[in-house]
Amino acid sequence: MVAEKIKPADTQEMPIEEKLKALYELQKVHSEVDKINTLRGELPLEVQDLEDEIAGLQTRIGNLHDEMKQLDVAVAGKKTEIVNSQSLIKKYQEQQNNVRNNREFESLAKEIEFQTLEIELSEKRIREFSAQATEKQQAIDQSKELLNDREVEVKSKRNELADITADTEKEEKLLQKKAAELEALIDPRLITAYKRIRSNARNGLAVVTVQRDACGGCFANIPPQRQLDIRSRKKVIVCEYCGRILIDRPEN
């Protein structure tokens, strides 16, 4: 639960003891927010990863369709070339019937042979293009199947995340409001240090209490004199080992 509200005060005039108390309360609020984020777990990242994968699959399918169209155009071009070659062969064959000597006949025969080879080459290229088109269609079908699976999965995870968010949204807003109120009580430099320590702490704890003569964050031993300084609440003291802000447990 969120601790009792601290009355606003001038951050410059607020005693160190009050600043430490406000920091401790702020830490408790942020720890509650962390619990909510833990409840959501990896769902936000999983949803984002799935959305990125879906976008990638959609792009891949689009590119494959474009490549299929290019192959269709290439096949159509080769078929046109075949028709043209067939027309030329027919033309040369008709001309052979009216040649005046063997030299002209042989010349036309070579042209017919060349166009025949062109037809065979075009037919070979058509088969190659068709094989490529078949492979690309298979890739499209596989990508579409995977896309459908991912869309079903992301829908399920979005619903799950939405349910968790709906359950915690009101509480989180109250916590965020409380955190903003507490931050307003503390001078900016201390808040900046707090956030830096918190961002580097594995468990998000920037302010910890002394527990059994040890730091509540890293459990390193704290000398008696340093514990007295902490209990005096006259200055901000950090752990020499982990850098967390140390306080004695405030009285309720």
Protein backbone atom coordinates (compact mmCIF):
# COMPACT_ATOMS: atom_id res chain seq x y z
CA MET A 1 0.00 0.00 0.00
CA VAL A 2 1.06 3.59 -0.61
CA ALA A 3 2.30 5.29 2.52
CA GLU A 4 0.57 8.32 4.03
CA LYS A 5 0.83 11.54 2.06
CA ILE A 6 3.65 13.88 3.09
CA LYS A 7 2.72 17.55 3.26
CA PRO A 8 4.35 19.72 0.59
CA ALA A 9 7.32 21.81 1.67
CA ASP A 10 10.05 23.96 0.21
CA THR A 11 12.70 21.51 -1.04
CA GLN A 12 15.51 23.87 -0.05
CA GLU A 13 14.21 24.31 3.51
CA MET A 14 13.18 20.71 4.10
CA PRO A 15 15.48 19.04 6.65
CA ILE A 16 17.60 16.09 5.48
CA GLU A 17 15.54 13.83 7.69
CA GLU A 18 12.36 14.78 5.82
CA LYS A 19 14.07 14.38 2.46
CA LEU A 20 15.22 10.89 3.42
CA LYS A 21 11.72 10.04 4.58
CA ALA A 22 10.29 11.28 1.28
CA LEU A 23 12.91 9.27 -0.65
CA TYR A 24 12.00 6.16 1.30
CA GLU A 25 8.31 6.68 0.57
CA LEU A 26 9.14 7.28 -3.11
CA GLN A 27 11.10 4.04 -3.18
CA LYS A 28 8.12 2.15 -1.74
CA VAL A 29 5.82 3.65 -4.39
CA HIS A 30 8.22 2.73 -7.19
CA SER A 31 8.57 -0.78 -5.77
CA GLU A 32 4.78 -1.14 -6.03
CA VAL A 33 4.99 -0.02 -9.67
CA ASP A 34 7.75 -2.57 -10.22
CA LYS A 35 5.45 -5.29 -8.88
CA ILE A 36 2.82 -4.31 -11.45
CA ASN A 37 5.42 -4.44 -14.22
CA THR A 38 6.55 -7.84 -12.95
CA LEU A 39 2.94 -9.00 -13.11
CA ARG A 40 2.89 -8.01 -16.77
CA GLY A 41 6.15 -9.88 -17.14
CA GLU A 42 7.59 -10.14 -20.63
CA LEU A 43 4.21 -9.71 -22.31
CA PRO A 44 4.84 -6.18 -23.65
CA LEU A 45 8.15 -7.30 -25.17
CA GLU A 46 6.61 -10.51 -26.51
CA VAL A 47 3.80 -8.52 -28.14
CA GLN A 48 6.32 -6.10 -29.68
CA ASP A 49 8.48 -8.97 -30.98
CA LEU A 50 5.44 -10.65 -32.54
CA GLU A 51 4.29 -7.39 -34.12
CA ASP A 52 7.78 -6.88 -35.58
CA GLU A 53 7.80 -10.46 -36.91
CA ILE A 54 4.34 -9.98 -38.44
CA ALA A 55 5.49 -6.77 -40.14
CA GLY A 56 8.54 -8.61 -41.46
CA LEU A 57 6.42 -11.48 -42.81
CA GLN A 58 4.02 -9.06 -44.48
CA THR A 59 6.95 -7.30 -46.15
CA ARG A 60 8.41 -10.65 -47.26
CA ILE A 61 5.09 -11.76 -48.74
CA GLY A 62 4.75 -8.43 -50.55
CA ASN A 63 8.26 -8.73 -51.97
CA LEU A 64 7.63 -12.30 -53.11
CA HIS A 65 4.43 -11.22 -54.88
CA ASP A 66 6.39 -8.47 -56.65
CA GLU A 67 9.01 -11.01 -57.73
CA MET A 68 6.23 -13.31 -58.98
CA LYS A 69 4.87 -10.46 -61.10
CA GLN A 70 8.34 -9.84 -62.53
CA LEU A 71 8.61 -13.54 -63.44
CA ASP A 72 5.19 -13.41 -65.10
CA VAL A 73 6.37 -10.45 -67.17
CA ALA A 74 9.58 -12.32 -68.07
CA VAL A 75 7.61 -15.43 -69.12
CA ALA A 76 5.27 -13.29 -71.22
CA GLY A 77 8.29 -11.68 -72.88
CA LYS A 78 9.82 -15.04 -73.76
CA LYS A 79 6.50 -16.27 -75.15
CA THR A 80 6.38 -13.18 -77.36
CA GLU A 81 9.91 -13.92 -78.53
CA ILE A 82 8.85 -17.47 -79.39
CA VAL A 83 5.92 -16.20 -81.45
CA ASN A 84 8.22 -13.78 -83.27
CA SER A 85 10.75 -16.55 -83.96
CA GLN A 86 8.01 -18.84 -85.24
CA SER A 87 6.82 -16.09 -87.58
CA LEU A 88 10.35 -15.60 -88.87
CA ILE A 89 10.79 -19.34 -89.42
CA LYS A 90 7.56 -19.44 -91.41
CA LYS A 91 8.72 -16.43 -93.42
CA TYR A 92 12.14 -17.97 -94.15
CA GLN A 93 10.59 -21.30 -95.12
CA GLU A 94 8.36 -19.52 -97.64
CA GLN A 95 11.36 -17.64 -98.99
CA GLN A 96 13.23 -20.93 -99.47
CA ASN A 97 10.62 -21.93 -102.02
CA ASN A 98 11.59 -18.98 -104.18
CA VAL A 99 15.41 -18.98 -103.90
CA ARG A 100 17.53 -18.82 -107.06
CA ASN A 101 20.55 -20.75 -105.81
CA ASN A 102 21.87 -22.99 -103.03
CA ARG A 103 23.70 -20.10 -101.37
CA GLU A 104 20.44 -18.27 -100.68
CA PHE A 105 18.83 -21.53 -99.51
CA GLU A 106 21.68 -22.24 -97.07
CA SER A 107 21.56 -18.69 -95.78
CA LEU A 108 17.84 -19.00 -95.05
CA ALA A 109 18.42 -22.44 -93.49
CA LYS A 110 20.90 -20.88 -91.06
CA GLU A 111 18.36 -18.21 -90.15
CA ILE A 112 15.75 -20.91 -89.56
CA GLU A 113 18.23 -22.86 -87.40
CA PHE A 114 19.09 -19.71 -85.42
CA GLN A 115 15.43 -18.93 -84.75
CA THR A 116 14.84 -22.56 -83.76
CA LEU A 117 17.65 -22.27 -81.22
CA GLU A 118 16.15 -19.00 -79.99
CA ILE A 119 12.83 -20.79 -79.46
CA GLU A 120 14.55 -23.59 -77.52
CA LEU A 121 16.44 -21.05 -75.39
CA SER A 122 13.23 -19.12 -74.68
CA GLU A 123 11.42 -22.34 -73.74
CA LYS A 124 14.31 -23.20 -71.39
CA ARG A 125 14.12 -19.78 -69.77
CA ILE A 126 10.34 -20.15 -69.40
CA ARG A 127 10.86 -23.45 -67.57
CA GLU A 128 13.43 -21.79 -65.30
CA PHE A 129 11.11 -18.87 -64.60
CA SER A 130 8.24 -21.26 -63.91
CA ALA A 131 10.40 -23.26 -61.47
CA GLN A 132 11.36 -20.03 -59.69
CA ALA A 133 7.72 -19.00 -59.57
CA THR A 134 6.80 -22.35 -58.01
CA GLU A 135 9.50 -21.92 -55.33
CA LYS A 136 8.32 -18.39 -54.60
CA GLN A 137 4.70 -19.51 -54.37
CA GLN A 138 5.74 -22.18 -51.87
CA ALA A 139 7.61 -19.52 -49.88
CA ILE A 140 4.50 -17.30 -49.97
CA ASP A 141 2.29 -20.16 -48.75
CA GLN A 142 4.71 -20.96 -45.91
CA SER A 143 5.00 -17.30 -44.95
CA LYS A 144 1.23 -16.88 -44.97
CA GLU A 145 0.81 -19.94 -42.76
CA LEU A 146 3.41 -18.59 -40.31
CA LEU A 147 1.79 -15.14 -40.50
CA ASN A 148 -1.60 -16.60 -39.57
CA ASP A 149 -0.04 -18.42 -36.60
CA ARG A 150 1.69 -15.26 -35.39
CA GLU A 151 -1.47 -13.17 -35.78
CA VAL A 152 -3.40 -15.64 -33.64
CA GLU A 153 -0.60 -15.66 -31.06
CA VAL A 154 -0.25 -11.87 -30.89
CA LYS A 155 -4.03 -11.47 -30.55
CA SER A 156 -4.00 -13.84 -27.58
CA LYS A 157 -1.10 -12.04 -25.91
CA ARG A 158 -2.64 -8.62 -26.57
CA ASN A 159 -5.83 -9.75 -24.87
CA GLU A 160 -3.86 -11.15 -21.95
CA LEU A 161 -1.89 -7.91 -21.62
CA ALA A 162 -5.07 -5.84 -21.91
CA ASP A 163 -6.69 -7.84 -19.08
CA ILE A 164 -3.68 -7.32 -16.80
CA THR A 165 -3.46 -3.64 -17.70
CA ALA A 166 -7.18 -3.15 -17.02
CA ASP A 167 -6.79 -4.75 -13.59
CA THR A 168 -3.80 -2.61 -12.63
CA GLU A 169 -4.36 0.62 -14.56
CA LYS A 170 -6.22 2.46 -11.77
CA GLU A 171 -3.69 1.43 -9.14
CA GLU A 172 -0.78 2.38 -11.37
CA LYS A 173 -2.20 5.84 -12.05
CA LEU A 174 -2.60 6.45 -8.31
CA LEU A 175 0.96 5.31 -7.72
CA GLN A 176 2.30 7.54 -10.49
CA LYS A 177 0.42 10.50 -9.01
CA LYS A 178 1.82 9.74 -5.58
CA ALA A 179 5.34 9.43 -7.00
CA ALA A 180 5.01 12.84 -8.68
CA GLU A 181 3.87 14.39 -5.39
CA LEU A 182 6.82 12.89 -3.54
CA GLU A 183 9.33 13.95 -6.19
CA ALA A 184 8.08 17.51 -5.83
CA LEU A 185 9.17 17.42 -2.19
CA ILE A 186 12.78 16.51 -2.96
CA ASP A 187 15.37 18.74 -4.59
CA PRO A 188 16.16 17.86 -8.24
CA ARG A 189 19.79 16.85 -7.64
CA LEU A 190 18.77 14.23 -5.09
CA ILE A 191 16.01 12.97 -7.39
CA THR A 192 18.52 12.69 -10.26
CA ALA A 193 20.91 10.69 -8.05
CA TYR A 194 18.04 8.50 -6.85
CA LYS A 195 16.91 7.70 -10.40
CA ARG A 196 20.47 6.98 -11.52
CA ILE A 197 21.02 4.56 -8.63
CA ARG A 198 17.63 2.96 -9.23
CA SER A 199 18.31 2.44 -12.94
CA ASN A 200 21.57 0.66 -12.14
CA ALA A 201 20.12 -1.52 -9.37
CA ARG A 202 19.05 -4.98 -10.46
CA ASN A 203 15.96 -4.98 -8.21
CA GLY A 204 15.20 -1.27 -8.66
CA LEU A 205 16.08 -0.46 -5.06
CA ALA A 206 17.87 2.86 -4.69
CA VAL A 207 16.94 3.46 -1.04
CA VAL A 208 17.39 0.64 1.45
CA THR A 209 17.28 0.29 5.21
CA VAL A 210 19.99 -1.08 7.47
CA GLN A 211 19.11 -4.67 8.34
CA ARG A 212 21.07 -6.66 10.90
CA ASP A 213 24.04 -4.28 10.67
CA ALA A 214 24.16 -4.69 6.91
CA CYS A 215 23.05 -2.87 3.74
CA GLY A 216 19.53 -3.94 2.76
CA GLY A 217 20.58 -3.92 -0.89
CA CYS A 218 23.90 -5.74 -1.14
CA PHE A 219 24.07 -7.07 2.46
CA ALA A 220 27.57 -5.68 2.99
CA ASN A 221 28.46 -5.09 6.66
CA ILE A 222 28.10 -1.49 7.91
CA PRO A 223 30.47 -0.31 10.71
CA PRO A 224 28.83 0.85 13.97
CA GLN A 225 29.97 4.47 13.58
CA ARG A 226 28.46 4.65 10.10
CA GLN A 227 25.22 3.21 11.46
CA LEU A 228 25.16 6.03 14.04
CA ASP A 229 25.59 8.56 11.20
CA ILE A 230 22.70 6.94 9.33
CA ARG A 231 20.46 7.03 12.41
CA SER A 232 21.27 10.69 12.97
CA ARG A 233 19.58 11.48 9.63
CA LYS A 234 21.68 14.62 9.20
CA LYS A 235 23.14 13.76 5.78
CA VAL A 236 22.61 11.45 2.84
CA ILE A 237 24.80 8.38 3.22
CA VAL A 238 25.33 5.77 0.52
CA CYS A 239 26.61 2.21 0.77
CA GLU A 240 30.34 2.05 0.05
CA TYR A 241 29.85 -1.19 -1.88
CA CYS A 242 26.67 -0.84 -3.95
CA GLY A 243 26.08 2.92 -3.90
CA ARG A 244 22.50 2.70 -2.60
CA ILE A 245 21.16 5.36 -0.25
CA LEU A 246 21.09 4.06 3.32
CA ILE A 247 18.50 4.96 5.96
CA ASP A 248 17.32 3.50 9.22
CA ARG A 249 13.76 2.25 9.09
CA PRO A 250 11.47 5.27 9.60
CA GLU A 251 9.07 5.14 12.51
CA ASN A 252 5.42 4.75 11.48
